[in-house]
Amino acid sequence: MPAPFSLATRPAVRLAFCTGIYVAQGVPFGFVTVALAAWLAGREAAGAAAVGTIISLAVLPWSFKWAWGPLVDSGLFAPLGRRRPWLLVAQAMMIVTGLALVLARGDVALLGWLVLLHNVFVGLQDVAIDALACDMLEGTERERASGLMYGASYAGTALGGAGLGLVMADGGLAAAVTVMVAIQALTFLAVLAIRERPGDRLLPGWRRGDGPPGAAPSAPPLRAGFAALAAAMARPAALRVGLGAVLVKILPACLYVVMTDHLFRVLGWSEARFAEVTGGFGNLVGFLAACTAGLIAASAGPRITALAANAILATSWILLAARPAWWEHEMTIWAWIGIHEACLATISVSFFALFMRVSTPAVAATQFTASMALMNLATSLGSWLAGPVAAWLDAPGAFLLAGLLQPLGTLLLPPAPPAGR
């Protein structure tokens, strides 16, 4: 007798499901940071301050999305599935707050607050889908999914930025918002039509009788969530992966700022040229690398993949430091951006898979989100360190020192994180 149709019983479906949700949640980010930013920049009453404020309000909820973790882990609506109800709540509220964006019209302040509120629920969706992935993906499926999901976020951002930007140029803000909300509504219907496990209800009060519920991981009480998180993060494997992620992400963030400053201040690059190389070419390379990295990590293992990408990155820095005259040639910068984005995408995908492997199922949403927050913290710290580093060393010296130190982070990774639970 065939297994009942659900995410738990159809590996290909759950892989497509996780990837599709990541595309959908990339759309609002691309819409705000590209399409809406361009629309505001073209309005005489707005200006750079308004654009910066809108983007900062869109990003702000992502810094605190970990707070959703204990709620998503609580199993509050367990008959509908452990994670699926939170996806539905998030998507329903994204539709409501998305439609409200039309009401703001020319009121930039109201528009900013609505963007903030909208992204609060995008953050909830992100926590819920990450937790679902931690619960359901098995073995090397985690590596493939990590690559596809990370790559899908690039695709969603491009759809929300370039795609909705074209819609906005032709039909205005209301048309672009309507298309974005339509994408979110289709995503809502897709989640509504499928269950996590056999026996889960599709709707409140209605259960299709095709088997008992699957073995979802038990959740701790909400008030005990933070204690459970602390215990999970303190496990040796989780602690080593988390610390390794912090150390690996600090120096690339620092050098990106150092190189950016050097390009403008010393080499005389223009903003348009820099945007073309980093925003266009860099994003394309990152997308392709992320998708490929998942396949490589599934075959070689996420630890080996991270070690190899990190070694290539560090070697490229040492070579750049040894030949500062090459920096005058634009192709050198193109090559650096390509290697930088490809290696960082590969490292990120590898760490996503490692975080999934070392997460404790009962607090997967909180632990995975907290682990991702460590990477964000490392990026912020590295960017801040660029100032003191640039005051102490010139750009080639900074690249040489970073190239020598960078391998230390991956040496902390446990030799064989568990492939399953």
Protein backbone atom coordinates (compact mmCIF):
# COMPACT_ATOMS: atom_id res chain seq x y z
CA MET A 1 0.00 0.00 0.00
CA PRO A 2 1.53 3.37 -1.01
CA ALA A 3 2.43 5.78 1.76
CA PRO A 4 -0.03 8.68 2.26
CA PHE A 5 0.98 11.83 0.39
CA SER A 6 2.82 14.27 2.65
CA LEU A 7 6.16 16.03 2.97
CA ALA A 8 7.35 13.27 5.28
CA THR A 9 6.66 10.55 2.70
CA ARG A 10 7.81 12.33 -0.49
CA PRO A 11 11.49 13.42 -0.43
CA ALA A 12 11.32 15.14 -3.85
CA VAL A 13 8.22 17.07 -2.81
CA ARG A 14 9.73 18.34 0.45
CA LEU A 15 12.89 19.42 -1.39
CA ALA A 16 10.81 21.36 -3.91
CA PHE A 17 8.65 22.71 -1.08
CA CYS A 18 11.58 24.11 0.91
CA THR A 19 13.15 25.60 -2.22
CA GLY A 20 9.88 27.19 -3.31
CA ILE A 21 9.33 28.84 0.07
CA TYR A 22 12.82 30.35 -0.13
CA VAL A 23 12.04 31.81 -3.55
CA ALA A 24 8.81 33.28 -2.19
CA GLN A 25 10.47 34.91 0.81
CA GLY A 26 13.24 36.39 -1.35
CA VAL A 27 10.62 38.34 -3.33
CA PRO A 28 9.78 40.91 -0.58
CA PHE A 29 13.48 41.53 0.09
CA GLY A 30 14.19 42.18 -3.59
CA PHE A 31 11.06 44.31 -3.87
CA VAL A 32 12.10 46.62 -1.00
CA THR A 33 15.84 46.83 -1.61
CA VAL A 34 15.66 47.26 -5.40
CA ALA A 35 12.21 48.07 -6.81
CA LEU A 36 10.83 50.16 -3.95
CA ALA A 37 14.21 51.82 -3.33
CA ALA A 38 14.36 52.89 -6.98
CA TRP A 39 10.76 54.16 -6.82
CA LEU A 40 11.56 56.26 -3.75
CA ALA A 41 14.81 57.54 -5.22
CA GLY A 42 12.85 58.91 -8.18
CA ARG A 43 10.51 60.95 -5.98
CA GLU A 44 11.60 64.50 -5.25
CA ALA A 45 10.06 64.42 -1.75
CA ALA A 46 11.95 61.28 -0.73
CA GLY A 47 15.70 61.28 -1.28
CA ALA A 48 18.56 59.16 0.01
CA ALA A 49 17.47 59.36 3.66
CA ALA A 50 14.07 57.87 2.85
CA VAL A 51 15.60 55.08 0.79
CA GLY A 52 18.06 54.21 3.57
CA THR A 53 15.32 54.25 6.19
CA ILE A 54 13.03 51.94 4.21
CA ILE A 55 15.79 49.41 3.60
CA SER A 56 16.91 49.49 7.25
CA LEU A 57 13.32 48.93 8.40
CA ALA A 58 13.03 45.96 6.03
CA VAL A 59 16.21 44.36 7.39
CA LEU A 60 15.61 45.11 11.08
CA PRO A 61 13.15 42.24 11.80
CA TRP A 62 15.67 39.73 10.48
CA SER A 63 18.05 40.65 13.30
CA PHE A 64 15.43 39.59 15.86
CA LYS A 65 13.72 36.73 14.06
CA TRP A 66 15.27 34.28 16.55
CA ALA A 67 12.57 35.44 19.00
CA TRP A 68 10.03 33.48 16.92
CA GLY A 69 11.95 30.26 17.59
CA PRO A 70 10.40 29.17 20.92
CA LEU A 71 6.92 29.85 19.52
CA VAL A 72 7.57 27.86 16.34
CA ASP A 73 9.06 25.05 18.44
CA SER A 74 6.12 25.01 20.87
CA GLY A 75 3.85 22.71 18.82
CA LEU A 76 0.95 25.03 19.64
CA PHE A 77 -1.16 23.88 16.66
CA ALA A 78 0.15 20.32 16.48
CA PRO A 79 -2.92 18.75 14.80
CA LEU A 80 -2.18 20.83 11.69
CA GLY A 81 1.50 19.91 11.72
CA ARG A 82 4.36 21.21 13.79
CA ARG A 83 5.70 23.87 11.38
CA ARG A 84 3.01 24.20 8.69
CA PRO A 85 0.59 26.29 10.83
CA TRP A 86 3.27 28.95 11.33
CA LEU A 87 3.91 29.07 7.59
CA LEU A 88 0.20 29.65 7.05
CA VAL A 89 0.03 32.36 9.74
CA ALA A 90 3.11 34.10 8.31
CA GLN A 91 1.83 33.99 4.73
CA ALA A 92 -1.66 35.17 5.66
CA MET A 93 -0.20 38.16 7.49
CA MET A 94 2.23 38.84 4.63
CA ILE A 95 -0.78 39.06 2.30
CA VAL A 96 -2.61 41.45 4.65
CA THR A 97 0.39 43.70 5.28
CA GLY A 98 1.35 43.54 1.61
CA LEU A 99 -2.04 44.81 0.52
CA ALA A 100 -1.78 47.57 3.13
CA LEU A 101 1.32 48.90 1.32
CA VAL A 102 -0.99 50.22 -1.40
CA LEU A 103 -2.80 52.36 1.18
CA ALA A 104 0.40 54.22 2.06
CA ARG A 105 0.70 55.73 -1.42
CA GLY A 106 2.89 58.83 -1.00
CA ASP A 107 3.21 58.66 2.79
CA VAL A 108 6.82 57.56 3.17
CA ALA A 109 6.63 57.24 6.98
CA LEU A 110 3.57 54.97 6.82
CA LEU A 111 5.18 53.00 4.01
CA GLY A 112 8.24 52.41 6.19
CA TRP A 113 6.22 51.09 9.12
CA LEU A 114 4.24 48.78 6.84
CA VAL A 115 7.47 47.47 5.31
CA LEU A 116 8.75 46.79 8.84
CA LEU A 117 5.55 44.93 9.78
CA HIS A 118 5.55 42.96 6.54
CA ASN A 119 9.08 41.75 7.15
CA VAL A 120 8.28 40.71 10.70
CA PHE A 121 6.08 38.00 9.16
CA VAL A 122 8.59 37.22 6.40
CA GLY A 123 11.02 36.52 9.25
CA LEU A 124 8.47 34.20 10.89
CA GLN A 125 8.15 32.31 7.60
CA ASP A 126 11.92 31.97 7.42
CA VAL A 127 12.12 30.52 10.93
CA ALA A 128 9.27 28.08 10.22
CA ILE A 129 10.70 26.76 6.94
CA ASP A 130 14.19 26.40 8.42
CA ALA A 131 12.73 24.44 11.32
CA LEU A 132 10.73 22.24 8.95
CA ALA A 133 13.90 21.56 6.97
CA CYS A 134 15.78 20.63 10.17
CA ASP A 135 12.94 18.27 11.14
CA MET A 136 12.44 16.50 7.83
CA LEU A 137 15.54 16.55 5.69
CA GLU A 138 17.62 13.42 6.13
CA GLY A 139 21.27 12.52 5.56
CA THR A 140 22.83 14.08 2.45
CA GLU A 141 19.45 15.52 1.51
CA ARG A 142 20.35 18.37 3.87
CA GLU A 143 23.34 19.37 1.75
CA ARG A 144 21.37 19.36 -1.52
CA ALA A 145 18.55 21.30 0.10
CA SER A 146 20.91 23.84 1.65
CA GLY A 147 22.40 24.62 -1.76
CA LEU A 148 19.06 24.84 -3.51
CA MET A 149 17.47 26.92 -0.74
CA TYR A 150 20.37 29.36 -0.59
CA GLY A 151 20.36 29.64 -4.37
CA ALA A 152 16.57 30.06 -4.37
CA SER A 153 16.93 33.14 -2.16
CA TYR A 154 19.01 34.74 -4.94
CA ALA A 155 16.28 33.86 -7.46
CA GLY A 156 13.55 35.30 -5.25
CA THR A 157 15.52 38.49 -4.71
CA ALA A 158 15.99 38.86 -8.47
CA LEU A 159 12.28 38.25 -9.05
CA GLY A 160 11.30 40.80 -6.42
CA GLY A 161 13.89 43.35 -7.53
CA ALA A 162 14.21 43.17 -11.30
CA GLY A 163 10.83 41.55 -12.00
CA LEU A 164 8.69 43.76 -9.77
CA GLY A 165 10.85 46.73 -10.75
CA LEU A 166 9.71 46.29 -14.35
CA VAL A 167 6.10 45.94 -13.20
CA MET A 168 6.42 49.10 -11.13
CA ALA A 169 7.97 51.03 -14.02
CA ASP A 170 5.01 50.09 -16.20
CA GLY A 171 2.09 50.07 -13.76
CA GLY A 172 3.22 51.88 -10.63
CA LEU A 173 3.49 50.88 -6.96
CA ALA A 174 -0.01 49.38 -6.74
CA ALA A 175 0.63 47.01 -9.65
CA ALA A 176 3.94 45.80 -8.22
CA VAL A 177 2.44 45.23 -4.77
CA THR A 178 -0.48 43.35 -6.33
CA VAL A 179 1.88 40.97 -8.13
CA MET A 180 3.91 40.44 -4.95
CA VAL A 181 0.77 39.66 -2.96
CA ALA A 182 -0.40 37.29 -5.71
CA ILE A 183 2.89 35.36 -5.38
CA GLN A 184 2.39 35.17 -1.62
CA ALA A 185 -1.23 34.03 -2.06
CA LEU A 186 -0.15 31.22 -4.37
CA THR A 187 2.45 30.19 -1.81
CA PHE A 188 -0.25 30.19 0.90
CA LEU A 189 -2.47 27.91 -1.20
CA ALA A 190 0.43 25.54 -1.88
CA VAL A 191 1.13 25.20 1.86
CA LEU A 192 -2.57 24.81 2.58
CA ALA A 193 -2.85 21.92 0.11
CA ILE A 194 -0.16 19.69 1.64
CA ARG A 195 0.50 18.13 5.03
CA GLU A 196 3.75 17.64 6.87
CA ARG A 197 3.03 14.09 7.97
CA PRO A 198 0.38 11.41 7.43
CA GLY A 199 -2.54 12.04 9.76
CA ASP A 200 -2.04 15.81 10.07
CA ARG A 201 -5.16 17.85 9.48
CA LEU A 202 -5.35 19.94 6.34
CA LEU A 203 -7.74 22.37 8.03
CA PRO A 204 -8.77 22.97 11.66
CA GLY A 205 -11.34 20.40 12.70
CA TRP A 206 -10.96 18.22 9.60
CA ARG A 207 -8.72 15.18 9.37
CA ARG A 208 -8.36 12.96 6.34
CA GLY A 209 -8.37 9.46 7.77
CA ASP A 210 -5.43 7.89 6.00
CA GLY A 211 -3.22 6.95 8.89
CA PRO A 212 -1.88 8.00 12.26
CA PRO A 213 0.23 11.10 12.66
CA GLY A 214 3.92 10.70 11.87
CA ALA A 215 6.55 10.82 14.53
CA ALA A 216 7.11 14.54 14.86
CA PRO A 217 9.80 15.48 17.39
CA SER A 218 8.32 16.38 20.75
CA ALA A 219 8.50 20.04 21.70
CA PRO A 220 9.35 21.45 25.13
CA PRO A 221 6.88 23.80 26.83
CA LEU A 222 7.22 27.36 25.56
CA ARG A 223 8.60 28.65 28.88
CA ALA A 224 11.28 25.96 28.84
CA GLY A 225 12.36 26.75 25.28
CA PHE A 226 15.30 28.97 26.16
CA ALA A 227 16.71 26.49 28.66
CA ALA A 228 16.44 23.75 26.04
CA LEU A 229 18.14 26.04 23.51
CA ALA A 230 21.05 26.69 25.88
CA ALA A 231 21.53 22.97 26.42
CA ALA A 232 21.37 22.29 22.67
CA MET A 233 23.84 25.05 21.78
CA ALA A 234 26.24 23.84 24.49
CA ARG A 235 26.55 20.36 22.99
CA PRO A 236 30.19 19.95 21.84
CA ALA A 237 29.41 19.46 18.14
CA ALA A 238 27.01 22.42 18.05
CA LEU A 239 29.45 24.61 19.98
CA ARG A 240 32.33 23.83 17.62
CA VAL A 241 30.26 24.43 14.50
CA GLY A 242 28.93 27.73 15.89
CA LEU A 243 32.35 29.02 16.90
CA GLY A 244 33.82 27.87 13.58
CA ALA A 245 31.10 29.76 11.68
CA VAL A 246 31.88 32.97 13.57
CA LEU A 247 35.63 32.73 12.90
CA VAL A 248 35.17 31.87 9.23
CA LYS A 249 32.81 34.79 8.52
CA ILE A 250 34.67 37.62 10.29
CA LEU A 251 37.65 38.09 7.96
CA PRO A 252 35.76 37.96 4.61
CA ALA A 253 33.45 40.72 5.88
CA CYS A 254 36.44 42.77 7.03
CA LEU A 255 38.30 42.40 3.73
CA TYR A 256 35.22 43.25 1.67
CA VAL A 257 35.09 46.64 3.38
CA VAL A 258 38.87 47.11 3.09
CA MET A 259 38.79 46.31 -0.63
CA THR A 260 35.75 48.50 -1.25
CA ASP A 261 37.48 51.45 0.40
CA HIS A 262 40.64 50.75 -1.61
CA LEU A 263 38.74 50.60 -4.90
CA PHE A 264 37.10 53.98 -4.38
CA ARG A 265 39.83 55.86 -2.54
CA VAL A 266 42.97 54.52 -4.25
CA LEU A 267 41.91 52.99 -7.57
CA GLY A 268 39.21 55.55 -8.38
CA TRP A 269 36.29 53.22 -9.13
CA SER A 270 32.85 54.69 -9.77
CA GLU A 271 29.70 53.64 -7.89
CA ALA A 272 28.08 52.43 -11.12
CA ARG A 273 31.05 50.22 -11.99
CA PHE A 274 31.25 48.79 -8.50
CA ALA A 275 27.51 48.01 -8.50
CA GLU A 276 27.81 46.29 -11.88
CA VAL A 277 30.61 44.01 -10.73
CA THR A 278 29.38 43.21 -7.21
CA GLY A 279 25.62 43.39 -7.66
CA GLY A 280 25.38 41.83 -11.12
CA PHE A 281 28.31 39.50 -11.66
CA GLY A 282 28.78 38.78 -7.95
CA ASN A 283 25.17 37.75 -7.39
CA LEU A 284 25.16 35.52 -10.46
CA VAL A 285 28.30 33.74 -9.31
CA GLY A 286 26.86 33.39 -5.80
CA PHE A 287 23.64 31.82 -7.14
CA LEU A 288 25.47 29.29 -9.32
CA ALA A 289 27.95 28.45 -6.57
CA ALA A 290 25.22 27.92 -3.98
CA CYS A 291 23.33 25.47 -6.19
CA THR A 292 26.53 23.58 -7.04
CA ALA A 293 27.79 23.59 -3.45
CA GLY A 294 24.80 21.61 -2.24
CA LEU A 295 25.63 18.78 -4.63
CA ILE A 296 29.32 18.86 -3.71
CA ALA A 297 28.57 18.85 0.02
CA ALA A 298 26.16 15.95 -0.40
CA SER A 299 28.95 13.92 -2.01
CA ALA A 300 32.05 15.05 -0.14
CA GLY A 301 30.39 16.09 3.12
CA PRO A 302 29.77 19.63 4.40
CA ARG A 303 32.92 19.76 6.52
CA ILE A 304 35.25 18.84 3.65
CA THR A 305 33.42 21.23 1.33
CA ALA A 306 33.78 24.09 3.81
CA LEU A 307 37.47 23.30 4.35
CA ALA A 308 38.17 23.28 0.60
CA ALA A 309 36.29 26.52 -0.14
CA ASN A 310 37.92 28.21 2.84
CA ALA A 311 41.38 27.13 1.69
CA ILE A 312 40.76 28.48 -1.83
CA LEU A 313 39.54 31.77 -0.37
CA ALA A 314 42.59 32.14 1.90
CA THR A 315 44.98 31.26 -0.95
CA SER A 316 43.40 33.89 -3.20
CA TRP A 317 43.99 36.52 -0.50
CA ILE A 318 47.66 35.58 -0.16
CA LEU A 319 48.13 35.74 -3.94
CA LEU A 320 46.49 39.17 -4.06
CA ALA A 321 48.75 40.39 -1.25
CA ALA A 322 51.81 39.13 -3.10
CA ARG A 323 50.94 40.98 -6.32
CA PRO A 324 49.50 44.42 -5.43
CA ALA A 325 50.36 45.68 -8.95
CA TRP A 326 47.67 43.35 -10.31
CA TRP A 327 45.03 45.39 -8.50
CA GLU A 328 45.34 48.10 -11.16
CA HIS A 329 43.85 45.69 -13.70
CA GLU A 330 40.06 45.49 -13.61
CA MET A 331 40.04 41.77 -14.41
CA THR A 332 41.84 41.15 -11.12
CA ILE A 333 38.93 42.71 -9.24
CA TRP A 334 36.44 40.70 -11.30
CA ALA A 335 38.36 37.55 -10.39
CA TRP A 336 38.48 38.52 -6.71
CA ILE A 337 34.72 39.20 -6.61
CA GLY A 338 34.03 35.89 -8.34
CA ILE A 339 36.22 33.86 -5.99
CA HIS A 340 34.93 35.79 -2.96
CA GLU A 341 31.25 35.19 -3.79
CA ALA A 342 31.70 31.59 -4.92
CA CYS A 343 33.68 30.59 -1.84
CA LEU A 344 31.40 32.42 0.61
CA ALA A 345 28.29 30.88 -0.95
CA THR A 346 29.89 27.43 -0.72
CA ILE A 347 30.96 28.00 2.89
CA SER A 348 27.49 29.29 3.82
CA VAL A 349 25.74 26.29 2.25
CA SER A 350 28.12 23.94 4.06
CA PHE A 351 27.43 25.61 7.40
CA PHE A 352 23.67 25.56 6.80
CA ALA A 353 23.95 21.79 6.41
CA LEU A 354 26.18 21.50 9.47
CA PHE A 355 23.74 23.55 11.55
CA MET A 356 20.95 21.19 10.51
CA ARG A 357 23.03 18.16 11.42
CA VAL A 358 23.85 19.37 14.91
CA SER A 359 20.43 20.87 15.73
CA THR A 360 18.38 19.19 18.44
CA PRO A 361 14.96 18.36 16.88
CA ALA A 362 12.88 19.61 19.81
CA VAL A 363 14.30 23.14 19.48
CA ALA A 364 15.33 23.06 15.84
CA ALA A 365 13.69 26.37 14.90
CA THR A 366 15.31 28.28 17.74
CA GLN A 367 18.71 26.60 17.48
CA PHE A 368 19.04 26.90 13.72
CA THR A 369 17.93 30.55 13.80
CA ALA A 370 20.31 31.32 16.67
CA SER A 371 23.13 29.65 14.76
CA MET A 372 22.38 31.77 11.70
CA ALA A 373 22.37 34.83 13.94
CA LEU A 374 25.94 33.97 14.93
CA MET A 375 26.95 34.23 11.27
CA ASN A 376 25.18 37.59 10.97
CA LEU A 377 26.95 38.76 14.13
CA ALA A 378 30.30 37.69 12.70
CA THR A 379 29.64 39.65 9.50
CA SER A 380 28.78 42.76 11.52
CA LEU A 381 31.87 42.34 13.70
CA GLY A 382 34.11 41.84 10.67
CA SER A 383 32.73 44.96 8.99
CA TRP A 384 33.35 46.96 12.16
CA LEU A 385 36.92 45.65 12.42
CA ALA A 386 37.72 46.97 8.93
CA GLY A 387 38.29 50.48 10.32
CA PRO A 388 40.97 49.53 12.86
CA VAL A 389 42.56 47.07 10.42
CA ALA A 390 42.76 49.69 7.65
CA ALA A 391 44.34 52.15 10.11
CA TRP A 392 46.99 49.58 11.05
CA LEU A 393 47.71 47.90 7.69
CA ASP A 394 47.49 48.81 4.03
CA ALA A 395 45.15 46.70 1.88
CA PRO A 396 47.78 44.13 0.72
CA GLY A 397 48.98 43.70 4.31
CA ALA A 398 45.41 43.11 5.50
CA PHE A 399 44.89 40.47 2.79
CA LEU A 400 48.11 38.69 3.71
CA LEU A 401 47.33 38.55 7.44
CA ALA A 402 43.77 37.42 6.78
CA GLY A 403 44.95 34.71 4.38
CA LEU A 404 47.22 33.28 7.08
CA LEU A 405 44.53 33.38 9.80
CA GLN A 406 41.45 32.31 7.81
CA PRO A 407 42.02 28.51 7.92
CA LEU A 408 41.89 28.47 11.73
CA GLY A 409 38.09 28.66 11.85
CA THR A 410 37.39 25.48 9.91
CA LEU A 411 39.90 23.52 12.00
CA LEU A 412 37.38 23.72 14.85
CA LEU A 413 34.71 21.82 12.92
CA PRO A 414 33.93 18.38 14.35
CA PRO A 415 35.31 15.60 12.15
CA ALA A 416 31.98 13.85 11.58
CA PRO A 417 28.81 15.73 12.55
CA PRO A 418 25.90 13.28 12.81
CA ALA A 419 24.18 12.70 9.45
CA GLY A 420 20.86 11.81 11.00
CA ARG A 421 18.93 11.62 14.19
